[in-house]
Amino acid sequence: MHNVHAHHAGQLVAVGVVDILPRCLSSVYLFWDPAFAHLAPGKLSALKEIEWVQQVRGPSCLCSCAAAFT
C-alpha cells in the first residue's frame, strides 16, 4: 500500500491509499479536506490514477483492469 498526498498552497488537501499491483493500480481509499469538496477530489483522483496506469503500465493494462469489473 502506498499513500498519495495532494497539496494546494502548502496545505494538505487530500490523501489517497493505493495498492500498486503487477498489472494494475487499485484505489483503496481517499479522504480530503471538506473545504475542497467543490473541486471533486474523488473524480480528480480517479483521473490521475488512470493517467498513472497509462503512463507507467501502458494502455493495455487499463483495458485489462477494466475488463475485470465487467
PDB file of N, CA and C in Angstrom:
ATOM      1  N   MET A   1       0.848  -1.178   0.000  1.00  0.00           N
ATOM      2  CA  MET A   1       0.000   0.000   0.000  1.00  0.00           C
ATOM      3  C   MET A   1       0.893   1.241   0.000  1.00  0.00           C
ATOM      4  N   HIS A   2       0.409   2.233  -0.732  1.00  0.00           N
ATOM      5  CA  HIS A   2       1.128   3.495  -0.852  1.00  0.00           C
ATOM      6  C   HIS A   2       0.176   4.642  -0.574  1.00  0.00           C
ATOM      7  N   ASN A   3       0.719   5.712   0.008  1.00  0.00           N
ATOM      8  CA  ASN A   3      -0.064   6.918   0.254  1.00  0.00           C
ATOM      9  C   ASN A   3       0.284   7.954  -0.795  1.00  0.00           C
ATOM     10  N   VAL A   4      -0.731   8.617  -1.313  1.00  0.00           N
ATOM     11  CA  VAL A   4      -0.551   9.691  -2.275  1.00  0.00           C
ATOM     12  C   VAL A   4      -1.134  10.952  -1.652  1.00  0.00           C
ATOM     13  N   HIS A   5      -0.335  12.009  -1.581  1.00  0.00           N
ATOM     14  CA  HIS A   5      -0.777  13.255  -0.953  1.00  0.00           C
ATOM     15  C   HIS A   5      -0.975  14.334  -2.002  1.00  0.00           C
ATOM     16  N   ALA A   6      -2.016  15.135  -1.845  1.00  0.00           N
ATOM     17  CA  ALA A   6      -2.265  16.287  -2.716  1.00  0.00           C
ATOM     18  C   ALA A   6      -2.236  17.558  -1.870  1.00  0.00           C
ATOM     19  N   HIS A   7      -1.475  18.526  -2.325  1.00  0.00           N
ATOM     20  CA  HIS A   7      -1.335  19.799  -1.609  1.00  0.00           C
ATOM     21  C   HIS A   7      -1.753  20.955  -2.503  1.00  0.00           C
ATOM     22  N   HIS A   8      -2.227  22.016  -1.873  1.00  0.00           N
ATOM     23  CA  HIS A   8      -2.544  23.260  -2.573  1.00  0.00           C
ATOM     24  C   HIS A   8      -2.081  24.403  -1.691  1.00  0.00           C
ATOM     25  N   ALA A   9      -1.203  25.240  -2.233  1.00  0.00           N
ATOM     26  CA  ALA A   9      -0.663  26.392  -1.484  1.00  0.00           C
ATOM     27  C   ALA A   9      -0.093  25.958  -0.136  1.00  0.00           C
ATOM     28  N   GLY A  10       0.594  24.831  -0.126  1.00  0.00           N
ATOM     29  CA  GLY A  10       1.231  24.349   1.092  1.00  0.00           C
ATOM     30  C   GLY A  10       0.313  23.637   2.067  1.00  0.00           C
ATOM     31  N   GLN A  11      -0.953  23.526   1.743  1.00  0.00           N
ATOM     32  CA  GLN A  11      -1.923  22.888   2.628  1.00  0.00           C
ATOM     33  C   GLN A  11      -2.266  21.493   2.100  1.00  0.00           C
ATOM     34  N   LEU A  12      -2.299  20.519   2.997  1.00  0.00           N
ATOM     35  CA  LEU A  12      -2.702  19.167   2.627  1.00  0.00           C
ATOM     36  C   LEU A  12      -4.188  19.178   2.290  1.00  0.00           C
ATOM     37  N   VAL A  13      -4.520  18.738   1.072  1.00  0.00           N
ATOM     38  CA  VAL A  13      -5.893  18.765   0.592  1.00  0.00           C
ATOM     39  C   VAL A  13      -6.515  17.376   0.621  1.00  0.00           C
ATOM     40  N   ALA A  14      -5.739  16.359   0.201  1.00  0.00           N
ATOM     41  CA  ALA A  14      -6.289  15.007   0.118  1.00  0.00           C
ATOM     42  C   ALA A  14      -5.181  13.969   0.302  1.00  0.00           C
ATOM     43  N   VAL A  15      -5.598  12.802   0.765  1.00  0.00           N
ATOM     44  CA  VAL A  15      -4.694  11.657   0.899  1.00  0.00           C
ATOM     45  C   VAL A  15      -5.403  10.456   0.305  1.00  0.00           C
ATOM     46  N   GLY A  16      -4.706   9.782  -0.580  1.00  0.00           N
ATOM     47  CA  GLY A  16      -5.243   8.568  -1.181  1.00  0.00           C
ATOM     48  C   GLY A  16      -4.380   7.384  -0.805  1.00  0.00           C
ATOM     49  N   VAL A  17      -4.996   6.246  -0.671  1.00  0.00           N
ATOM     50  CA  VAL A  17      -4.284   4.995  -0.400  1.00  0.00           C
ATOM     51  C   VAL A  17      -4.489   4.107  -1.616  1.00  0.00           C
ATOM     52  N   VAL A  18      -3.381   3.708  -2.234  1.00  0.00           N
ATOM     53  CA  VAL A  18      -3.444   2.872  -3.424  1.00  0.00           C
ATOM     54  C   VAL A  18      -2.563   1.645  -3.243  1.00  0.00           C
ATOM     55  N   ASP A  19      -2.930   0.605  -3.947  1.00  0.00           N
ATOM     56  CA  ASP A  19      -2.152  -0.628  -3.962  1.00  0.00           C
ATOM     57  C   ASP A  19      -1.643  -0.797  -5.388  1.00  0.00           C
ATOM     58  N   ILE A  20      -0.319  -0.817  -5.550  1.00  0.00           N
ATOM     59  CA  ILE A  20       0.270  -0.976  -6.869  1.00  0.00           C
ATOM     60  C   ILE A  20       0.511  -2.456  -7.101  1.00  0.00           C
ATOM     61  N   LEU A  21      -0.245  -3.012  -8.034  1.00  0.00           N
ATOM     62  CA  LEU A  21      -0.189  -4.428  -8.364  1.00  0.00           C
ATOM     63  C   LEU A  21       0.683  -4.627  -9.605  1.00  0.00           C
ATOM     64  N   PRO A  22       1.069  -5.843  -9.917  1.00  0.00           N
ATOM     65  CA  PRO A  22       1.936  -6.062 -11.075  1.00  0.00           C
ATOM     66  C   PRO A  22       1.371  -5.519 -12.387  1.00  0.00           C
ATOM     67  N   ARG A  23       0.066  -5.581 -12.569  1.00  0.00           N
ATOM     68  CA  ARG A  23      -0.514  -5.136 -13.838  1.00  0.00           C
ATOM     69  C   ARG A  23      -1.513  -3.996 -13.684  1.00  0.00           C
ATOM     70  N   CYS A  24      -1.753  -3.536 -12.464  1.00  0.00           N
ATOM     71  CA  CYS A  24      -2.794  -2.521 -12.256  1.00  0.00           C
ATOM     72  C   CYS A  24      -2.503  -1.663 -11.034  1.00  0.00           C
ATOM     73  N   LEU A  25      -3.337  -0.691 -10.858  1.00  0.00           N
ATOM     74  CA  LEU A  25      -3.343   0.148  -9.674  1.00  0.00           C
ATOM     75  C   LEU A  25      -4.717   0.011  -9.039  1.00  0.00           C
ATOM     76  N   SER A  26      -4.758  -0.292  -7.754  1.00  0.00           N
ATOM     77  CA  SER A  26      -6.026  -0.443  -7.066  1.00  0.00           C
ATOM     78  C   SER A  26      -6.193   0.698  -6.068  1.00  0.00           C
ATOM     79  N   SER A  27      -7.223   1.510  -6.279  1.00  0.00           N
ATOM     80  CA  SER A  27      -7.518   2.601  -5.370  1.00  0.00           C
ATOM     81  C   SER A  27      -8.254   2.029  -4.165  1.00  0.00           C
ATOM     82  N   VAL A  28      -7.693   2.214  -2.984  1.00  0.00           N
ATOM     83  CA  VAL A  28      -8.259   1.623  -1.775  1.00  0.00           C
ATOM     84  C   VAL A  28      -9.138   2.625  -1.032  1.00  0.00           C
ATOM     85  N   TYR A  29      -8.633   3.838  -0.859  1.00  0.00           N
ATOM     86  CA  TYR A  29      -9.361   4.813  -0.046  1.00  0.00           C
ATOM     87  C   TYR A  29      -8.880   6.212  -0.392  1.00  0.00           C
ATOM     88  N   LEU A  30      -9.755   7.194  -0.270  1.00  0.00           N
ATOM     89  CA  LEU A  30      -9.396   8.597  -0.466  1.00  0.00           C
ATOM     90  C   LEU A  30     -10.166   9.430   0.542  1.00  0.00           C
ATOM     91  N   PHE A  31      -9.457  10.321   1.205  1.00  0.00           N
ATOM     92  CA  PHE A  31     -10.150  11.276   2.067  1.00  0.00           C
ATOM     93  C   PHE A  31      -9.565  12.656   1.818  1.00  0.00           C
ATOM     94  N   TRP A  32     -10.401  13.698   2.025  1.00  0.00           N
ATOM     95  CA  TRP A  32      -9.978  15.050   1.707  1.00  0.00           C
ATOM     96  C   TRP A  32     -10.570  16.037   2.681  1.00  0.00           C
ATOM     97  N   ASP A  33      -9.976  17.228   2.649  1.00  0.00           N
ATOM     98  CA  ASP A  33     -10.448  18.351   3.453  1.00  0.00           C
ATOM     99  C   ASP A  33     -11.796  18.789   2.877  1.00  0.00           C
ATOM    100  N   PRO A  34     -12.857  18.826   3.693  1.00  0.00           N
ATOM    101  CA  PRO A  34     -14.186  19.202   3.195  1.00  0.00           C
ATOM    102  C   PRO A  34     -14.216  20.582   2.538  1.00  0.00           C
ATOM    103  N   ALA A  35     -13.293  21.453   2.878  1.00  0.00           N
ATOM    104  CA  ALA A  35     -13.255  22.785   2.271  1.00  0.00           C
ATOM    105  C   ALA A  35     -12.970  22.713   0.769  1.00  0.00           C
ATOM    106  N   PHE A  36     -12.439  21.569   0.302  1.00  0.00           N
ATOM    107  CA  PHE A  36     -12.110  21.421  -1.114  1.00  0.00           C
ATOM    108  C   PHE A  36     -13.074  20.481  -1.837  1.00  0.00           C
ATOM    109  N   ALA A  37     -14.190  20.147  -1.213  1.00  0.00           N
ATOM    110  CA  ALA A  37     -15.154  19.225  -1.822  1.00  0.00           C
ATOM    111  C   ALA A  37     -15.687  19.746  -3.150  1.00  0.00           C
ATOM    112  N   HIS A  38     -15.805  21.049  -3.292  1.00  0.00           N
ATOM    113  CA  HIS A  38     -16.316  21.631  -4.538  1.00  0.00           C
ATOM    114  C   HIS A  38     -15.406  21.343  -5.736  1.00  0.00           C
ATOM    115  N   LEU A  39     -14.168  20.948  -5.489  1.00  0.00           N
ATOM    116  CA  LEU A  39     -13.228  20.615  -6.562  1.00  0.00           C
ATOM    117  C   LEU A  39     -13.325  19.153  -6.987  1.00  0.00           C
ATOM    118  N   ALA A  40     -14.226  18.398  -6.359  1.00  0.00           N
ATOM    119  CA  ALA A  40     -14.448  16.983  -6.675  1.00  0.00           C
ATOM    120  C   ALA A  40     -13.157  16.175  -6.608  1.00  0.00           C
ATOM    121  N   PRO A  41     -12.506  16.126  -5.446  1.00  0.00           N
ATOM    122  CA  PRO A  41     -11.225  15.421  -5.341  1.00  0.00           C
ATOM    123  C   PRO A  41     -11.311  13.931  -5.674  1.00  0.00           C
ATOM    124  N   GLY A  42     -12.446  13.317  -5.471  1.00  0.00           N
ATOM    125  CA  GLY A  42     -12.593  11.902  -5.819  1.00  0.00           C
ATOM    126  C   GLY A  42     -12.491  11.677  -7.317  1.00  0.00           C
ATOM    127  N   LYS A  43     -13.139  12.540  -8.089  1.00  0.00           N
ATOM    128  CA  LYS A  43     -13.063  12.438  -9.553  1.00  0.00           C
ATOM    129  C   LYS A  43     -11.654  12.737 -10.041  1.00  0.00           C
ATOM    130  N   LEU A  44     -11.045  13.763  -9.481  1.00  0.00           N
ATOM    131  CA  LEU A  44      -9.683  14.113  -9.875  1.00  0.00           C
ATOM    132  C   LEU A  44      -8.719  12.974  -9.556  1.00  0.00           C
ATOM    133  N   SER A  45      -8.891  12.370  -8.386  1.00  0.00           N
ATOM    134  CA  SER A  45      -8.045  11.247  -8.002  1.00  0.00           C
ATOM    135  C   SER A  45      -8.185  10.083  -8.980  1.00  0.00           C
ATOM    136  N   ALA A  46      -9.414   9.765  -9.353  1.00  0.00           N
ATOM    137  CA  ALA A  46      -9.648   8.665 -10.299  1.00  0.00           C
ATOM    138  C   ALA A  46      -8.990   8.960 -11.643  1.00  0.00           C
ATOM    139  N   LEU A  47      -9.102  10.187 -12.112  1.00  0.00           N
ATOM    140  CA  LEU A  47      -8.485  10.556 -13.390  1.00  0.00           C
ATOM    141  C   LEU A  47      -6.961  10.491 -13.316  1.00  0.00           C
ATOM    142  N   LYS A  48      -6.387  10.934 -12.203  1.00  0.00           N
ATOM    143  CA  LYS A  48      -4.930  10.874 -12.040  1.00  0.00           C
ATOM    144  C   LYS A  48      -4.450   9.426 -11.953  1.00  0.00           C
ATOM    145  N   GLU A  49      -5.233   8.561 -11.331  1.00  0.00           N
ATOM    146  CA  GLU A  49      -4.858   7.146 -11.259  1.00  0.00           C
ATOM    147  C   GLU A  49      -4.887   6.505 -12.644  1.00  0.00           C
ATOM    148  N   ILE A  50      -5.891   6.837 -13.438  1.00  0.00           N
ATOM    149  CA  ILE A  50      -5.960   6.335 -14.810  1.00  0.00           C
ATOM    150  C   ILE A  50      -4.751   6.828 -15.599  1.00  0.00           C
ATOM    151  N   GLU A  51      -4.433   8.096 -15.443  1.00  0.00           N
ATOM    152  CA  GLU A  51      -3.266   8.659 -16.127  1.00  0.00           C
ATOM    153  C   GLU A  51      -1.984   7.928 -15.727  1.00  0.00           C
ATOM    154  N   TRP A  52      -1.825   7.653 -14.443  1.00  0.00           N
ATOM    155  CA  TRP A  52      -0.632   6.945 -13.953  1.00  0.00           C
ATOM    156  C   TRP A  52      -0.530   5.561 -14.590  1.00  0.00           C
ATOM    157  N   VAL A  53      -1.632   4.827 -14.603  1.00  0.00           N
ATOM    158  CA  VAL A  53      -1.626   3.480 -15.187  1.00  0.00           C
ATOM    159  C   VAL A  53      -1.240   3.546 -16.658  1.00  0.00           C
ATOM    160  N   GLN A  54      -1.795   4.496 -17.396  1.00  0.00           N
ATOM    161  CA  GLN A  54      -1.482   4.613 -18.818  1.00  0.00           C
ATOM    162  C   GLN A  54      -0.007   4.925 -19.040  1.00  0.00           C
ATOM    163  N   GLN A  55       0.575   5.781 -18.210  1.00  0.00           N
ATOM    164  CA  GLN A  55       1.968   6.175 -18.371  1.00  0.00           C
ATOM    165  C   GLN A  55       2.938   5.086 -17.913  1.00  0.00           C
ATOM    166  N   VAL A  56       2.645   4.466 -16.790  1.00  0.00           N
ATOM    167  CA  VAL A  56       3.593   3.526 -16.194  1.00  0.00           C
ATOM    168  C   VAL A  56       3.394   2.099 -16.691  1.00  0.00           C
ATOM    169  N   ARG A  57       2.164   1.676 -16.812  1.00  0.00           N
ATOM    170  CA  ARG A  57       1.881   0.292 -17.182  1.00  0.00           C
ATOM    171  C   ARG A  57       1.454   0.130 -18.639  1.00  0.00           C
ATOM    172  N   GLY A  58       1.043   1.214 -19.282  1.00  0.00           N
ATOM    173  CA  GLY A  58       0.630   1.154 -20.678  1.00  0.00           C
ATOM    174  C   GLY A  58      -0.874   1.024 -20.813  1.00  0.00           C
ATOM    175  N   PRO A  59      -1.414   1.457 -21.946  1.00  0.00           N
ATOM    176  CA  PRO A  59      -2.863   1.446 -22.166  1.00  0.00           C
ATOM    177  C   PRO A  59      -3.485   0.053 -22.095  1.00  0.00           C
ATOM    178  N   SER A  60      -2.748  -0.976 -22.478  1.00  0.00           N
ATOM    179  CA  SER A  60      -3.332  -2.323 -22.454  1.00  0.00           C
ATOM    180  C   SER A  60      -3.642  -2.775 -21.035  1.00  0.00           C
ATOM    181  N   CYS A  61      -2.879  -2.313 -20.075  1.00  0.00           N
ATOM    182  CA  CYS A  61      -3.149  -2.660 -18.671  1.00  0.00           C
ATOM    183  C   CYS A  61      -4.482  -2.074 -18.238  1.00  0.00           C
ATOM    184  N   LEU A  62      -4.747  -0.844 -18.648  1.00  0.00           N
ATOM    185  CA  LEU A  62      -6.000  -0.190 -18.277  1.00  0.00           C
ATOM    186  C   LEU A  62      -7.185  -0.991 -18.800  1.00  0.00           C
ATOM    187  N   CYS A  63      -7.085  -1.478 -20.012  1.00  0.00           N
ATOM    188  CA  CYS A  63      -8.163  -2.276 -20.581  1.00  0.00           C
ATOM    189  C   CYS A  63      -8.328  -3.595 -19.841  1.00  0.00           C
ATOM    190  N   SER A  64      -7.223  -4.210 -19.460  1.00  0.00           N
ATOM    191  CA  SER A  64      -7.277  -5.477 -18.732  1.00  0.00           C
ATOM    192  C   SER A  64      -7.938  -5.306 -17.379  1.00  0.00           C
ATOM    193  N   CYS A  65      -7.599  -4.222 -16.700  1.00  0.00           N
ATOM    194  CA  CYS A  65      -8.184  -3.987 -15.372  1.00  0.00           C
ATOM    195  C   CYS A  65      -9.656  -3.669 -15.472  1.00  0.00           C
ATOM    196  N   ALA A  66     -10.041  -2.870 -16.439  1.00  0.00           N
ATOM    197  CA  ALA A  66     -11.453  -2.517 -16.598  1.00  0.00           C
ATOM    198  C   ALA A  66     -12.279  -3.749 -16.935  1.00  0.00           C
ATOM    199  N   ALA A  67     -11.704  -4.665 -17.693  1.00  0.00           N
ATOM    200  CA  ALA A  67     -12.434  -5.874 -18.069  1.00  0.00           C
ATOM    201  C   ALA A  67     -12.740  -6.735 -16.860  1.00  0.00           C
ATOM    202  N   ALA A  68     -11.931  -6.641 -15.820  1.00  0.00           N
ATOM    203  CA  ALA A  68     -12.147  -7.437 -14.624  1.00  0.00           C
ATOM    204  C   ALA A  68     -13.427  -7.043 -13.889  1.00  0.00           C
ATOM    205  N   PHE A  69     -13.913  -5.823 -14.146  1.00  0.00           N
ATOM    206  CA  PHE A  69     -15.092  -5.323 -13.443  1.00  0.00           C
ATOM    207  C   PHE A  69     -16.369  -5.415 -14.275  1.00  0.00           C
ATOM    208  N   THR A  70     -16.277  -5.959 -15.477  1.00  0.00           N
ATOM    209  CA  THR A  70     -17.488  -6.034 -16.308  1.00  0.00           C
ATOM    210  C   THR A  70     -18.104  -7.400 -16.246  1.00  0.00           C
TER     211      THR A  70
END
